[in-house]
N, C-alpha and C. Protein backbone atom coordinates (compact mmCIF):
# COMPACT_ATOMS: atom_id res chain seq x y z
N MET A 1 -32.10 -4.08 8.28
CA MET A 1 -30.70 -4.34 8.05
C MET A 1 -30.46 -4.43 6.54
N ASP A 2 -29.38 -3.77 6.09
CA ASP A 2 -29.03 -3.76 4.67
C ASP A 2 -28.26 -5.03 4.34
N THR A 3 -28.83 -5.84 3.45
CA THR A 3 -28.17 -7.10 3.08
C THR A 3 -27.53 -7.02 1.70
N SER A 4 -27.57 -5.85 1.06
CA SER A 4 -26.96 -5.73 -0.25
C SER A 4 -25.44 -5.83 -0.13
N PRO A 5 -24.81 -6.46 -1.12
CA PRO A 5 -23.35 -6.60 -1.05
C PRO A 5 -22.65 -5.25 -1.14
N ARG A 6 -21.55 -5.14 -0.42
CA ARG A 6 -20.76 -3.91 -0.46
C ARG A 6 -20.08 -3.81 -1.83
N PRO A 7 -20.02 -2.60 -2.39
CA PRO A 7 -19.36 -2.46 -3.69
C PRO A 7 -17.86 -2.76 -3.57
N THR A 8 -17.33 -3.32 -4.64
CA THR A 8 -15.90 -3.59 -4.69
C THR A 8 -15.16 -2.28 -4.97
N PRO A 9 -13.85 -2.24 -4.70
CA PRO A 9 -13.09 -1.03 -5.06
C PRO A 9 -13.23 -0.67 -6.54
N ALA A 10 -13.24 -1.68 -7.41
CA ALA A 10 -13.38 -1.40 -8.84
C ALA A 10 -14.74 -0.77 -9.16
N GLN A 11 -15.77 -1.14 -8.42
CA GLN A 11 -17.10 -0.56 -8.63
C GLN A 11 -17.18 0.86 -8.08
N LEU A 12 -16.37 1.18 -7.09
CA LEU A 12 -16.40 2.52 -6.50
C LEU A 12 -15.67 3.55 -7.35
N VAL A 13 -14.72 3.12 -8.15
CA VAL A 13 -13.92 4.05 -8.95
C VAL A 13 -14.79 4.95 -9.83
N PRO A 14 -15.72 4.39 -10.61
CA PRO A 14 -16.54 5.28 -11.45
C PRO A 14 -17.37 6.28 -10.63
N TYR A 15 -17.89 5.87 -9.48
CA TYR A 15 -18.66 6.78 -8.63
C TYR A 15 -17.80 7.98 -8.23
N LEU A 16 -16.60 7.69 -7.77
CA LEU A 16 -15.72 8.78 -7.33
C LEU A 16 -15.30 9.67 -8.49
N LYS A 17 -14.97 9.05 -9.63
CA LYS A 17 -14.58 9.84 -10.79
C LYS A 17 -15.69 10.78 -11.22
N GLU A 18 -16.91 10.28 -11.31
CA GLU A 18 -18.04 11.12 -11.73
C GLU A 18 -18.24 12.27 -10.75
N ARG A 19 -18.13 12.00 -9.47
CA ARG A 19 -18.33 13.06 -8.48
C ARG A 19 -17.23 14.12 -8.57
N VAL A 20 -16.03 13.70 -8.83
CA VAL A 20 -14.94 14.67 -8.99
C VAL A 20 -15.18 15.51 -10.25
N TYR A 21 -15.56 14.87 -11.36
CA TYR A 21 -15.83 15.62 -12.59
C TYR A 21 -16.94 16.64 -12.37
N VAL A 22 -18.04 16.21 -11.78
CA VAL A 22 -19.18 17.11 -11.58
C VAL A 22 -18.79 18.23 -10.61
N THR A 23 -17.98 17.93 -9.63
CA THR A 23 -17.55 18.96 -8.69
C THR A 23 -16.69 20.01 -9.40
N PHE A 24 -15.75 19.58 -10.23
CA PHE A 24 -14.94 20.53 -10.98
C PHE A 24 -15.82 21.40 -11.90
N ILE A 25 -16.73 20.77 -12.59
CA ILE A 25 -17.59 21.51 -13.51
C ILE A 25 -18.49 22.48 -12.74
N GLY A 26 -19.07 21.99 -11.65
CA GLY A 26 -19.91 22.87 -10.84
C GLY A 26 -19.14 24.03 -10.26
N LEU A 27 -17.94 23.77 -9.83
CA LEU A 27 -17.09 24.83 -9.29
C LEU A 27 -16.78 25.87 -10.36
N ALA A 28 -16.48 25.41 -11.56
CA ALA A 28 -16.20 26.35 -12.65
C ALA A 28 -17.41 27.22 -12.95
N VAL A 29 -18.59 26.62 -12.98
CA VAL A 29 -19.82 27.38 -13.25
C VAL A 29 -20.04 28.42 -12.15
N LEU A 30 -19.90 28.00 -10.90
CA LEU A 30 -20.10 28.92 -9.78
C LEU A 30 -19.08 30.06 -9.79
N LEU A 31 -17.83 29.73 -10.09
CA LEU A 31 -16.80 30.77 -10.15
C LEU A 31 -17.09 31.76 -11.28
N ALA A 32 -17.51 31.24 -12.42
CA ALA A 32 -17.84 32.12 -13.54
C ALA A 32 -19.02 33.03 -13.18
N LEU A 33 -20.03 32.48 -12.55
CA LEU A 33 -21.18 33.29 -12.13
C LEU A 33 -20.77 34.33 -11.10
N SER A 34 -19.85 33.97 -10.24
CA SER A 34 -19.46 34.90 -9.17
C SER A 34 -18.67 36.09 -9.70
N THR A 35 -18.13 35.98 -10.90
CA THR A 35 -17.37 37.11 -11.45
C THR A 35 -18.28 38.29 -11.79
N HIS A 36 -19.57 38.02 -11.94
CA HIS A 36 -20.53 39.10 -12.15
C HIS A 36 -21.78 38.83 -11.31
N ALA A 37 -21.54 38.48 -10.03
CA ALA A 37 -22.60 38.05 -9.13
C ALA A 37 -23.72 39.08 -8.96
N ALA A 38 -23.38 40.35 -8.97
CA ALA A 38 -24.40 41.38 -8.76
C ALA A 38 -25.46 41.36 -9.87
N ASP A 39 -25.11 40.85 -11.03
CA ASP A 39 -26.03 40.81 -12.16
C ASP A 39 -26.68 39.43 -12.35
N VAL A 40 -26.39 38.49 -11.44
CA VAL A 40 -26.88 37.12 -11.59
C VAL A 40 -28.21 36.96 -10.86
N ASP A 41 -29.20 36.48 -11.58
CA ASP A 41 -30.47 36.12 -10.96
C ASP A 41 -30.26 34.80 -10.21
N PRO A 42 -30.67 34.70 -8.95
CA PRO A 42 -30.45 33.47 -8.19
C PRO A 42 -31.03 32.22 -8.85
N LEU A 43 -32.19 32.33 -9.45
CA LEU A 43 -32.79 31.17 -10.12
C LEU A 43 -31.97 30.75 -11.33
N THR A 44 -31.38 31.72 -12.02
CA THR A 44 -30.48 31.42 -13.13
C THR A 44 -29.25 30.67 -12.63
N ALA A 45 -28.74 31.06 -11.47
CA ALA A 45 -27.58 30.38 -10.89
C ALA A 45 -27.92 28.92 -10.59
N VAL A 46 -29.09 28.69 -9.99
CA VAL A 46 -29.51 27.32 -9.69
C VAL A 46 -29.63 26.53 -10.99
N GLY A 47 -30.30 27.12 -11.97
CA GLY A 47 -30.47 26.44 -13.26
C GLY A 47 -29.16 26.14 -13.94
N SER A 48 -28.25 27.10 -13.92
CA SER A 48 -26.94 26.89 -14.55
C SER A 48 -26.17 25.75 -13.90
N LEU A 49 -26.20 25.71 -12.58
CA LEU A 49 -25.48 24.65 -11.86
C LEU A 49 -26.11 23.30 -12.15
N LEU A 50 -27.44 23.23 -12.12
CA LEU A 50 -28.12 21.96 -12.38
C LEU A 50 -27.91 21.49 -13.82
N VAL A 51 -28.00 22.41 -14.78
CA VAL A 51 -27.79 22.03 -16.18
C VAL A 51 -26.36 21.53 -16.38
N ALA A 52 -25.39 22.20 -15.78
CA ALA A 52 -24.00 21.77 -15.91
C ALA A 52 -23.80 20.39 -15.29
N ALA A 53 -24.39 20.15 -14.12
CA ALA A 53 -24.25 18.86 -13.44
C ALA A 53 -24.94 17.75 -14.22
N ILE A 54 -26.14 18.02 -14.72
CA ILE A 54 -26.86 17.02 -15.50
C ILE A 54 -26.10 16.73 -16.80
N GLY A 55 -25.60 17.78 -17.43
CA GLY A 55 -24.82 17.59 -18.66
C GLY A 55 -23.57 16.75 -18.41
N ALA A 56 -22.90 17.02 -17.29
CA ALA A 56 -21.70 16.23 -16.97
C ALA A 56 -22.07 14.78 -16.69
N GLY A 57 -23.17 14.58 -15.98
CA GLY A 57 -23.62 13.21 -15.70
C GLY A 57 -23.96 12.46 -16.98
N LEU A 58 -24.68 13.13 -17.87
CA LEU A 58 -25.02 12.50 -19.15
C LEU A 58 -23.78 12.23 -19.99
N ALA A 59 -22.84 13.17 -19.99
CA ALA A 59 -21.59 12.95 -20.73
C ALA A 59 -20.84 11.75 -20.15
N GLY A 60 -20.85 11.64 -18.83
CA GLY A 60 -20.21 10.48 -18.20
C GLY A 60 -20.88 9.18 -18.59
N LEU A 61 -22.20 9.19 -18.65
CA LEU A 61 -22.94 7.99 -19.05
C LEU A 61 -22.61 7.60 -20.49
N VAL A 62 -22.62 8.58 -21.37
CA VAL A 62 -22.29 8.31 -22.78
C VAL A 62 -20.86 7.77 -22.90
N SER A 63 -19.93 8.37 -22.16
CA SER A 63 -18.54 7.91 -22.25
C SER A 63 -18.40 6.49 -21.72
N GLU A 64 -19.15 6.15 -20.68
CA GLU A 64 -19.10 4.78 -20.14
C GLU A 64 -19.68 3.78 -21.13
N VAL A 65 -20.77 4.14 -21.80
CA VAL A 65 -21.37 3.24 -22.79
C VAL A 65 -20.41 3.05 -23.96
N ILE A 66 -19.80 4.13 -24.43
CA ILE A 66 -18.84 4.02 -25.53
C ILE A 66 -17.64 3.17 -25.12
N ALA A 67 -17.11 3.41 -23.91
CA ALA A 67 -15.97 2.63 -23.44
C ALA A 67 -16.35 1.15 -23.31
N HIS A 68 -17.53 0.88 -22.79
CA HIS A 68 -17.99 -0.50 -22.65
C HIS A 68 -18.08 -1.17 -24.01
N LEU A 69 -18.66 -0.47 -24.95
CA LEU A 69 -18.80 -1.00 -26.31
C LEU A 69 -17.42 -1.26 -26.94
N ALA A 70 -16.50 -0.33 -26.75
CA ALA A 70 -15.16 -0.48 -27.34
C ALA A 70 -14.39 -1.64 -26.70
N VAL A 71 -14.51 -1.79 -25.39
CA VAL A 71 -13.73 -2.82 -24.68
C VAL A 71 -14.38 -4.20 -24.78
N HIS A 72 -15.71 -4.24 -24.61
CA HIS A 72 -16.40 -5.52 -24.54
C HIS A 72 -17.04 -5.94 -25.87
N THR A 73 -17.04 -5.05 -26.85
CA THR A 73 -17.59 -5.27 -28.20
C THR A 73 -19.10 -5.51 -28.23
N HIS A 74 -19.79 -5.15 -27.16
CA HIS A 74 -21.25 -5.23 -27.14
C HIS A 74 -21.78 -4.16 -26.20
N LEU A 75 -23.05 -3.84 -26.38
CA LEU A 75 -23.67 -2.85 -25.50
C LEU A 75 -23.83 -3.42 -24.09
N PRO A 76 -23.88 -2.57 -23.10
CA PRO A 76 -24.10 -3.07 -21.74
C PRO A 76 -25.46 -3.77 -21.66
N ASP A 77 -25.52 -4.87 -20.88
CA ASP A 77 -26.82 -5.50 -20.67
C ASP A 77 -27.62 -4.65 -19.69
N ALA A 78 -28.82 -5.07 -19.36
CA ALA A 78 -29.72 -4.26 -18.53
C ALA A 78 -29.10 -3.96 -17.16
N ALA A 79 -28.50 -4.95 -16.53
CA ALA A 79 -27.90 -4.74 -15.21
C ALA A 79 -26.71 -3.78 -15.28
N GLU A 80 -25.88 -3.94 -16.32
CA GLU A 80 -24.73 -3.04 -16.49
C GLU A 80 -25.20 -1.62 -16.78
N LEU A 81 -26.23 -1.49 -17.59
CA LEU A 81 -26.75 -0.16 -17.91
C LEU A 81 -27.34 0.51 -16.67
N ARG A 82 -28.08 -0.26 -15.85
CA ARG A 82 -28.61 0.30 -14.60
C ARG A 82 -27.48 0.80 -13.72
N TYR A 83 -26.40 0.04 -13.64
CA TYR A 83 -25.24 0.44 -12.84
C TYR A 83 -24.65 1.74 -13.39
N LEU A 84 -24.48 1.83 -14.71
CA LEU A 84 -23.92 3.03 -15.32
C LEU A 84 -24.82 4.24 -15.09
N VAL A 85 -26.12 4.06 -15.18
CA VAL A 85 -27.06 5.16 -14.93
C VAL A 85 -26.99 5.57 -13.47
N ARG A 86 -26.89 4.60 -12.57
CA ARG A 86 -26.78 4.90 -11.13
C ARG A 86 -25.52 5.71 -10.85
N VAL A 87 -24.41 5.34 -11.48
CA VAL A 87 -23.15 6.06 -11.30
C VAL A 87 -23.31 7.51 -11.77
N SER A 88 -23.85 7.68 -12.96
CA SER A 88 -24.00 9.03 -13.53
C SER A 88 -24.99 9.87 -12.72
N ALA A 89 -26.11 9.29 -12.35
CA ALA A 89 -27.12 10.02 -11.58
C ALA A 89 -26.61 10.34 -10.18
N GLY A 90 -25.82 9.45 -9.62
CA GLY A 90 -25.29 9.66 -8.27
C GLY A 90 -24.39 10.88 -8.18
N ALA A 91 -23.78 11.24 -9.28
CA ALA A 91 -22.89 12.40 -9.29
C ALA A 91 -23.67 13.69 -9.04
N LEU A 92 -24.97 13.67 -9.32
CA LEU A 92 -25.78 14.86 -9.08
C LEU A 92 -25.85 15.21 -7.60
N ALA A 93 -25.65 14.23 -6.74
CA ALA A 93 -25.66 14.49 -5.30
C ALA A 93 -24.57 15.49 -4.92
N THR A 94 -23.54 15.57 -5.74
CA THR A 94 -22.44 16.48 -5.47
C THR A 94 -22.88 17.93 -5.43
N VAL A 95 -23.90 18.28 -6.20
CA VAL A 95 -24.34 19.67 -6.24
C VAL A 95 -25.53 19.94 -5.32
N ALA A 96 -25.98 18.95 -4.57
CA ALA A 96 -27.17 19.12 -3.73
C ALA A 96 -27.02 20.27 -2.73
N LEU A 97 -25.95 20.27 -1.97
CA LEU A 97 -25.78 21.32 -0.96
C LEU A 97 -25.59 22.71 -1.60
N PRO A 98 -24.76 22.84 -2.64
CA PRO A 98 -24.68 24.15 -3.29
C PRO A 98 -26.03 24.63 -3.85
N VAL A 99 -26.83 23.72 -4.38
CA VAL A 99 -28.15 24.10 -4.90
C VAL A 99 -29.03 24.59 -3.74
N ILE A 100 -28.98 23.90 -2.62
CA ILE A 100 -29.76 24.33 -1.45
C ILE A 100 -29.35 25.73 -1.01
N VAL A 101 -28.04 25.98 -0.98
CA VAL A 101 -27.55 27.30 -0.61
C VAL A 101 -28.06 28.35 -1.59
N LEU A 102 -28.01 28.04 -2.88
CA LEU A 102 -28.50 28.99 -3.89
C LEU A 102 -30.02 29.20 -3.79
N LEU A 103 -30.73 28.17 -3.36
CA LEU A 103 -32.18 28.33 -3.18
C LEU A 103 -32.51 29.31 -2.06
N PHE A 104 -31.62 29.42 -1.08
CA PHE A 104 -31.80 30.45 -0.05
C PHE A 104 -31.75 31.85 -0.69
N ALA A 105 -30.90 31.99 -1.70
CA ALA A 105 -30.86 33.28 -2.41
C ALA A 105 -32.11 33.47 -3.25
N VAL A 106 -32.61 32.41 -3.85
CA VAL A 106 -33.85 32.49 -4.62
C VAL A 106 -34.99 32.96 -3.70
N ALA A 107 -35.01 32.45 -2.48
CA ALA A 107 -36.06 32.81 -1.52
C ALA A 107 -35.84 34.19 -0.91
N GLY A 108 -34.70 34.81 -1.23
CA GLY A 108 -34.42 36.14 -0.71
C GLY A 108 -33.86 36.15 0.70
N LEU A 109 -33.46 34.99 1.19
CA LEU A 109 -32.93 34.89 2.55
C LEU A 109 -31.46 35.29 2.65
N VAL A 110 -30.77 35.18 1.52
CA VAL A 110 -29.33 35.46 1.47
C VAL A 110 -29.05 36.17 0.16
N PRO A 111 -28.18 37.19 0.15
CA PRO A 111 -27.81 37.81 -1.12
C PRO A 111 -27.09 36.80 -2.03
N ILE A 112 -27.29 36.93 -3.33
CA ILE A 112 -26.70 35.99 -4.28
C ILE A 112 -25.18 35.93 -4.16
N GLU A 113 -24.54 37.08 -3.87
CA GLU A 113 -23.07 37.09 -3.75
C GLU A 113 -22.61 36.17 -2.63
N ILE A 114 -23.33 36.20 -1.51
CA ILE A 114 -22.97 35.35 -0.37
C ILE A 114 -23.29 33.90 -0.68
N ALA A 115 -24.44 33.64 -1.29
CA ALA A 115 -24.81 32.26 -1.63
C ALA A 115 -23.80 31.65 -2.59
N LEU A 116 -23.39 32.42 -3.60
CA LEU A 116 -22.38 31.91 -4.53
C LEU A 116 -21.06 31.63 -3.81
N GLY A 117 -20.66 32.53 -2.92
CA GLY A 117 -19.43 32.33 -2.16
C GLY A 117 -19.48 31.07 -1.32
N ILE A 118 -20.59 30.86 -0.64
CA ILE A 118 -20.73 29.65 0.18
C ILE A 118 -20.73 28.41 -0.71
N ALA A 119 -21.46 28.45 -1.82
CA ALA A 119 -21.52 27.31 -2.73
C ALA A 119 -20.14 26.98 -3.30
N ILE A 120 -19.37 28.01 -3.61
CA ILE A 120 -18.01 27.79 -4.11
C ILE A 120 -17.16 27.11 -3.05
N TRP A 121 -17.24 27.59 -1.82
CA TRP A 121 -16.47 26.97 -0.74
C TRP A 121 -16.89 25.52 -0.51
N VAL A 122 -18.17 25.25 -0.59
CA VAL A 122 -18.66 23.87 -0.42
C VAL A 122 -18.06 22.97 -1.48
N MET A 123 -18.08 23.44 -2.74
CA MET A 123 -17.53 22.62 -3.83
C MET A 123 -16.02 22.45 -3.68
N ALA A 124 -15.33 23.53 -3.32
CA ALA A 124 -13.87 23.44 -3.15
C ALA A 124 -13.51 22.50 -2.00
N LEU A 125 -14.24 22.62 -0.90
CA LEU A 125 -13.98 21.73 0.24
C LEU A 125 -14.31 20.28 -0.10
N THR A 126 -15.33 20.08 -0.92
CA THR A 126 -15.66 18.72 -1.37
C THR A 126 -14.49 18.12 -2.14
N LEU A 127 -13.94 18.89 -3.08
CA LEU A 127 -12.78 18.40 -3.84
C LEU A 127 -11.61 18.11 -2.92
N GLY A 128 -11.34 19.05 -2.02
CA GLY A 128 -10.23 18.85 -1.08
C GLY A 128 -10.42 17.64 -0.20
N ALA A 129 -11.65 17.43 0.27
CA ALA A 129 -11.92 16.29 1.15
C ALA A 129 -11.76 14.97 0.41
N VAL A 130 -12.28 14.91 -0.81
CA VAL A 130 -12.14 13.68 -1.60
C VAL A 130 -10.66 13.38 -1.85
N GLY A 131 -9.92 14.41 -2.25
CA GLY A 131 -8.48 14.23 -2.48
C GLY A 131 -7.75 13.82 -1.22
N TYR A 132 -8.07 14.47 -0.12
CA TYR A 132 -7.43 14.16 1.16
C TYR A 132 -7.70 12.70 1.57
N ILE A 133 -8.96 12.30 1.50
CA ILE A 133 -9.32 10.93 1.89
C ILE A 133 -8.61 9.93 0.98
N ALA A 134 -8.61 10.20 -0.32
CA ALA A 134 -7.97 9.27 -1.25
C ALA A 134 -6.47 9.14 -0.97
N VAL A 135 -5.82 10.26 -0.79
CA VAL A 135 -4.37 10.24 -0.60
C VAL A 135 -4.00 9.63 0.75
N PHE A 136 -4.67 10.04 1.79
CA PHE A 136 -4.26 9.60 3.12
C PHE A 136 -4.78 8.22 3.49
N ARG A 137 -5.66 7.63 2.66
CA ARG A 137 -6.04 6.22 2.83
C ARG A 137 -5.06 5.31 2.11
N SER A 138 -4.23 5.90 1.26
CA SER A 138 -3.31 5.09 0.46
C SER A 138 -2.21 4.50 1.33
N ARG A 139 -1.45 3.63 0.74
CA ARG A 139 -0.35 2.97 1.46
C ARG A 139 1.00 3.65 1.19
N LEU A 140 0.95 4.87 0.69
CA LEU A 140 2.17 5.62 0.42
C LEU A 140 2.82 6.05 1.72
N THR A 141 4.11 6.34 1.66
CA THR A 141 4.78 6.87 2.85
C THR A 141 4.21 8.25 3.15
N TRP A 142 4.37 8.74 4.38
CA TRP A 142 3.77 10.01 4.78
C TRP A 142 4.25 11.17 3.92
N TRP A 143 5.55 11.16 3.58
CA TRP A 143 6.06 12.27 2.79
C TRP A 143 5.58 12.20 1.35
N THR A 144 5.38 10.98 0.83
CA THR A 144 4.83 10.84 -0.51
C THR A 144 3.37 11.28 -0.53
N LYS A 145 2.63 10.92 0.53
CA LYS A 145 1.24 11.37 0.65
C LYS A 145 1.17 12.89 0.61
N LEU A 146 2.05 13.51 1.37
CA LEU A 146 2.07 14.97 1.43
C LEU A 146 2.37 15.57 0.06
N ALA A 147 3.36 15.00 -0.63
CA ALA A 147 3.73 15.49 -1.96
C ALA A 147 2.59 15.27 -2.97
N VAL A 148 1.96 14.12 -2.92
CA VAL A 148 0.87 13.82 -3.85
C VAL A 148 -0.32 14.75 -3.57
N PHE A 149 -0.64 14.96 -2.29
CA PHE A 149 -1.76 15.84 -1.95
C PHE A 149 -1.47 17.26 -2.42
N ALA A 150 -0.25 17.74 -2.21
CA ALA A 150 0.12 19.08 -2.68
C ALA A 150 0.03 19.17 -4.20
N ALA A 151 0.48 18.12 -4.89
CA ALA A 151 0.40 18.10 -6.35
C ALA A 151 -1.06 18.10 -6.82
N LEU A 152 -1.91 17.34 -6.13
CA LEU A 152 -3.33 17.32 -6.50
C LEU A 152 -3.98 18.68 -6.28
N LEU A 153 -3.63 19.34 -5.19
CA LEU A 153 -4.15 20.68 -4.95
C LEU A 153 -3.71 21.64 -6.06
N LEU A 154 -2.44 21.57 -6.42
CA LEU A 154 -1.93 22.43 -7.48
C LEU A 154 -2.62 22.14 -8.81
N LEU A 155 -2.74 20.85 -9.15
CA LEU A 155 -3.42 20.49 -10.40
C LEU A 155 -4.88 20.91 -10.37
N GLY A 156 -5.52 20.78 -9.21
CA GLY A 156 -6.91 21.23 -9.07
C GLY A 156 -7.04 22.72 -9.35
N LEU A 157 -6.10 23.50 -8.84
CA LEU A 157 -6.11 24.94 -9.10
C LEU A 157 -5.90 25.24 -10.57
N VAL A 158 -5.04 24.47 -11.22
CA VAL A 158 -4.81 24.65 -12.66
C VAL A 158 -6.09 24.33 -13.43
N VAL A 159 -6.75 23.23 -13.08
CA VAL A 159 -8.00 22.87 -13.75
C VAL A 159 -9.03 23.97 -13.58
N ILE A 160 -9.17 24.47 -12.37
CA ILE A 160 -10.13 25.54 -12.11
C ILE A 160 -9.76 26.79 -12.91
N GLY A 161 -8.48 27.11 -12.96
CA GLY A 161 -8.03 28.26 -13.75
C GLY A 161 -8.36 28.11 -15.22
N VAL A 162 -8.12 26.95 -15.77
CA VAL A 162 -8.43 26.70 -17.18
C VAL A 162 -9.93 26.79 -17.41
N GLN A 163 -10.72 26.22 -16.51
CA GLN A 163 -12.17 26.28 -16.66
C GLN A 163 -12.67 27.72 -16.57
N LEU A 164 -12.05 28.50 -15.69
CA LEU A 164 -12.44 29.90 -15.59
C LEU A 164 -12.13 30.65 -16.89
N LEU A 165 -11.01 30.33 -17.50
CA LEU A 165 -10.70 30.94 -18.79
C LEU A 165 -11.74 30.56 -19.84
N ALA A 166 -12.21 29.32 -19.78
CA ALA A 166 -13.19 28.86 -20.75
C ALA A 166 -14.56 29.47 -20.51
N HIS A 167 -14.92 29.68 -19.24
CA HIS A 167 -16.24 30.20 -18.91
C HIS A 167 -16.26 31.71 -18.70
N GLY A 168 -15.09 32.31 -18.54
CA GLY A 168 -15.02 33.72 -18.20
C GLY A 168 -15.18 34.58 -19.39
C-alpha cells in the first residue's frame, strides 16, 4: 500500500507544465523530421527526440532554480532540489511511447515515415488529452469550457506552426 502523501494541486502544476513543454518540443522535432522522412535515419530520429526532450527538461530545471533563487533569495535546499529534478526528469516520460514507436523503425519493423506519423499522432493526442482533461475538470460553464478548449487547440496549432518555422 502506498502511504506517500498525495501531491497538492500546487505541486502538480510544474509536472503538467513540464510535460506540456516537452510535448510541444517533441512534436516540433517530429514534425520537422517528417518533412524529409525519406532521408531520416531512424536512430537519428530517436536521438533527436531524446536530445530535445532532455534539453527541455534541463532548461525547465534551470528555469525553476533561477525562479526559486529570484523569489526566495536562496538556492533550493536538498529536498526542494530533488523535487525540481523529479519534475524535470518526469517530463521525459512524455516521449517514451514515441521513442518506442521510433525504435520499431530502428529495428526495421516499420518504415520511418509510418513511425514518425504514429509518433506525431501520439504527441498531438497527448497534448489534446491534457488540454481536454484540464478544461473539462474546471468549474467553468459548459460553453466557456468549449470556447477555452477551442482556443487552446487554436493556440496549440499556432505554437506548432511557429516551431515548424523555426525547425523547418
